[in-house]
Each structure stands twice: as structure tokens, then as C-alpha cells.
Amino acid sequence: MSLSEFFNMGGYAVFVWSSYGLTLVLLVLNWFIPYQQHKQNLRKLTRQFRSEKPDRKLKNNDSRT
């Protein structure tokens, strides 16, 4: 069996290699999209945390003491 026969896949190369390619694309997207959403959520939470007034934090801490 030669290398060209392997890549030809007995005449079914278009179907086999497109299936591999589509699977690879979907696996990458299944990692990349949640990763981007996670980063976006972290940025949003960081902005919310920084925009809180410091007085509010002090009042909450004072009530516990």
C-alpha cells in the first residue's frame, strides 16, 4: 500500500477527509466558544466589581464588627 493509495482511501477520500476536517472544526469550536464566553464573563464581572462604590463595602464590613 502506497501513501497515495492511503490518502485516496479507495476512492472515498473526499468523504473521509471532509469528515475528519468537519470533526476537527467542531472540536475546535467546542473549545473556543466557551473559552471566549468565559473570558467575556470574567471581564464583565471585573467591571462590575470595580464599579461598586467603596462606601458600600465599608458599610457591609462595619455591620459585622
C-alpha atoms as a PDB file:
ATOM      1  CA  MET A   1       0.000   0.000   0.000  1.00  0.00           C
ATOM      2  CA  SER A   2       1.488   3.292  -1.054  1.00  0.00           C
ATOM      3  CA  LEU A   3       0.980   6.661   0.548  1.00  0.00           C
ATOM      4  CA  SER A   4      -1.101   7.915  -2.369  1.00  0.00           C
ATOM      5  CA  GLU A   5      -3.428   4.898  -2.023  1.00  0.00           C
ATOM      6  CA  PHE A   6      -3.808   5.674   1.667  1.00  0.00           C
ATOM      7  CA  PHE A   7      -4.759   9.291   1.006  1.00  0.00           C
ATOM      8  CA  ASN A   8      -7.100   8.219  -1.817  1.00  0.00           C
ATOM      9  CA  MET A   9      -8.981   5.913   0.612  1.00  0.00           C
ATOM     10  CA  GLY A  10     -10.171   3.617  -2.167  1.00  0.00           C
ATOM     11  CA  GLY A  11     -11.973   6.406  -3.986  1.00  0.00           C
ATOM     12  CA  TYR A  12     -13.758   7.708  -0.878  1.00  0.00           C
ATOM     13  CA  ALA A  13     -11.147  10.303   0.060  1.00  0.00           C
ATOM     14  CA  VAL A  14     -13.486  13.287  -0.406  1.00  0.00           C
ATOM     15  CA  PHE A  15     -15.959  11.884   2.106  1.00  0.00           C
ATOM     16  CA  VAL A  16     -13.397  10.606   4.596  1.00  0.00           C
ATOM     17  CA  TRP A  17     -11.169  13.684   4.684  1.00  0.00           C
ATOM     18  CA  SER A  18     -14.107  16.097   4.737  1.00  0.00           C
ATOM     19  CA  SER A  19     -15.498  14.160   7.711  1.00  0.00           C
ATOM     20  CA  TYR A  20     -12.161  14.456   9.506  1.00  0.00           C
ATOM     21  CA  GLY A  21     -11.988  18.155   8.682  1.00  0.00           C
ATOM     22  CA  LEU A  22     -15.524  18.857   9.864  1.00  0.00           C
ATOM     23  CA  THR A  23     -14.897  16.926  13.087  1.00  0.00           C
ATOM     24  CA  LEU A  24     -11.736  18.921  13.738  1.00  0.00           C
ATOM     25  CA  VAL A  25     -13.557  22.221  13.139  1.00  0.00           C
ATOM     26  CA  LEU A  26     -16.365  21.233  15.520  1.00  0.00           C
ATOM     27  CA  LEU A  27     -13.934  20.133  18.228  1.00  0.00           C
ATOM     28  CA  VAL A  28     -12.061  23.432  17.997  1.00  0.00           C
ATOM     29  CA  LEU A  29     -15.322  25.400  18.128  1.00  0.00           C
ATOM     30  CA  ASN A  30     -16.495  23.361  21.141  1.00  0.00           C
ATOM     31  CA  TRP A  31     -13.394  24.560  22.964  1.00  0.00           C
ATOM     32  CA  PHE A  32     -13.094  28.085  21.558  1.00  0.00           C
ATOM     33  CA  ILE A  33     -16.658  29.392  22.007  1.00  0.00           C
ATOM     34  CA  PRO A  34     -16.973  28.548  25.734  1.00  0.00           C
ATOM     35  CA  TYR A  35     -13.434  29.854  26.282  1.00  0.00           C
ATOM     36  CA  GLN A  36     -14.372  33.217  24.737  1.00  0.00           C
ATOM     37  CA  GLN A  37     -17.605  33.356  26.740  1.00  0.00           C
ATOM     38  CA  HIS A  38     -15.670  32.626  29.927  1.00  0.00           C
ATOM     39  CA  LYS A  39     -13.233  35.448  29.212  1.00  0.00           C
ATOM     40  CA  GLN A  40     -16.135  37.799  28.435  1.00  0.00           C
ATOM     41  CA  ASN A  41     -17.873  36.860  31.699  1.00  0.00           C
ATOM     42  CA  LEU A  42     -14.684  37.465  33.676  1.00  0.00           C
ATOM     43  CA  ARG A  43     -14.279  40.918  32.096  1.00  0.00           C
ATOM     44  CA  LYS A  44     -17.908  41.733  32.868  1.00  0.00           C
ATOM     45  CA  LEU A  45     -17.574  40.633  36.492  1.00  0.00           C
ATOM     46  CA  THR A  46     -14.329  42.596  36.855  1.00  0.00           C
ATOM     47  CA  ARG A  47     -16.024  45.753  35.546  1.00  0.00           C
ATOM     48  CA  GLN A  48     -18.958  45.235  37.903  1.00  0.00           C
ATOM     49  CA  PHE A  49     -16.681  44.685  40.879  1.00  0.00           C
ATOM     50  CA  ARG A  50     -14.596  47.783  40.117  1.00  0.00           C
ATOM     51  CA  SER A  51     -17.660  49.973  39.611  1.00  0.00           C
ATOM     52  CA  GLU A  52     -19.046  49.250  43.092  1.00  0.00           C
ATOM     53  CA  LYS A  53     -18.834  52.147  45.479  1.00  0.00           C
ATOM     54  CA  PRO A  54     -16.245  51.755  48.248  1.00  0.00           C
ATOM     55  CA  ASP A  55     -18.712  53.182  50.813  1.00  0.00           C
ATOM     56  CA  ARG A  56     -20.978  50.245  50.259  1.00  0.00           C
ATOM     57  CA  LYS A  57     -18.186  47.807  51.038  1.00  0.00           C
ATOM     58  CA  LEU A  58     -17.244  49.681  54.203  1.00  0.00           C
ATOM     59  CA  LYS A  59     -20.828  49.710  55.458  1.00  0.00           C
ATOM     60  CA  ASN A  60     -21.084  45.951  54.990  1.00  0.00           C
ATOM     61  CA  ASN A  61     -17.826  45.408  56.871  1.00  0.00           C
ATOM     62  CA  ASP A  62     -18.786  47.819  59.661  1.00  0.00           C
ATOM     63  CA  SER A  63     -22.035  45.993  60.333  1.00  0.00           C
ATOM     64  CA  ARG A  64     -20.171  42.759  61.115  1.00  0.00           C
ATOM     65  CA  THR A  65     -17.864  44.282  63.721  1.00  0.00           C
END
